[in-house]
């Protein structure tokens, strides 16, 4: 649990910074990343794709697991 909380906390911290793997400086940008995310046209599509994938893969995986168990 400690490693999960630390990873989620660090990801939340990084979401408020402009992060580049090649540059050591990570300037604080506040909510600008979230504002750009909401305005991005691809964001809505990615949410829909995630929901469709989840709605298809979870029942299929459960059914397959049940068939194997039987």
Protein backbone atom coordinates (compact mmCIF):
# COMPACT_ATOMS: atom_id res chain seq x y z
CA UNK A 1 0.00 0.00 0.00
CA UNK A 2 2.87 2.37 0.76
CA UNK A 3 4.36 1.96 -2.70
CA UNK A 4 0.98 2.49 -4.36
CA UNK A 5 0.22 5.63 -2.36
CA UNK A 6 3.71 7.01 -3.04
CA UNK A 7 3.39 6.37 -6.79
CA UNK A 8 -0.07 7.94 -7.00
CA UNK A 9 1.08 10.90 -4.91
CA UNK A 10 4.11 11.48 -7.14
CA UNK A 11 1.96 11.22 -10.28
CA UNK A 12 -0.41 13.81 -8.78
CA UNK A 13 2.58 16.04 -7.99
CA UNK A 14 3.89 15.73 -11.55
CA UNK A 15 0.49 16.58 -13.01
CA UNK A 16 0.97 20.16 -11.77
CA UNK A 17 4.38 20.50 -13.43
CA UNK A 18 5.66 20.68 -16.98
CA UNK A 19 7.59 17.44 -17.11
CA UNK A 20 10.14 16.48 -19.73
CA UNK A 21 12.29 13.37 -19.41
CA UNK A 22 15.28 15.08 -21.04
CA UNK A 23 15.29 18.19 -18.84
CA UNK A 24 15.91 18.12 -15.09
CA UNK A 25 13.82 21.24 -14.43
CA UNK A 26 10.13 20.66 -13.83
CA UNK A 27 8.51 24.12 -13.65
CA UNK A 28 5.19 24.45 -11.83
CA UNK A 29 2.31 25.16 -14.23
CA UNK A 30 -0.65 24.71 -11.86
CA UNK A 31 -3.90 23.64 -13.48
CA UNK A 32 -2.71 24.40 -17.02
CA UNK A 33 -2.19 20.70 -17.79
CA UNK A 34 -5.77 19.92 -16.77
CA UNK A 35 -7.12 22.86 -18.76
CA UNK A 36 -5.31 21.63 -21.88
CA UNK A 37 -6.61 18.11 -21.23
CA UNK A 38 -10.25 19.24 -21.14
CA UNK A 39 -9.80 21.27 -24.33
CA UNK A 40 -8.14 18.41 -26.24
CA UNK A 41 -10.40 16.81 -28.87
CA UNK A 42 -8.83 13.38 -28.40
CA UNK A 43 -9.57 13.25 -24.66
CA UNK A 44 -13.29 12.52 -25.11
CA UNK A 45 -12.51 9.79 -27.61
CA UNK A 46 -10.01 8.18 -25.28
CA UNK A 47 -12.61 8.10 -22.48
CA UNK A 48 -15.13 6.44 -24.82
CA UNK A 49 -12.53 3.91 -26.01
CA UNK A 50 -11.62 3.06 -22.41
CA UNK A 51 -15.26 2.52 -21.44
CA UNK A 52 -15.93 0.34 -24.50
CA UNK A 53 -12.80 -1.74 -23.90
CA UNK A 54 -13.69 -2.20 -20.23
CA UNK A 55 -17.30 -3.08 -21.00
CA UNK A 56 -16.14 -5.75 -23.47
CA UNK A 57 -13.05 -7.17 -21.75
CA UNK A 58 -14.31 -7.54 -18.18
CA UNK A 59 -17.35 -9.71 -18.98
CA UNK A 60 -15.37 -11.71 -21.56
CA UNK A 61 -12.57 -12.36 -19.07
CA UNK A 62 -15.04 -13.36 -16.36
CA UNK A 63 -16.89 -15.72 -18.74
CA UNK A 64 -13.65 -17.30 -19.92
CA UNK A 65 -12.47 -17.77 -16.34
CA UNK A 66 -15.81 -19.36 -15.41
CA UNK A 67 -15.63 -21.72 -18.39
CA UNK A 68 -12.10 -22.76 -17.47
CA UNK A 69 -13.13 -23.31 -13.85
CA UNK A 70 -16.03 -25.51 -14.89
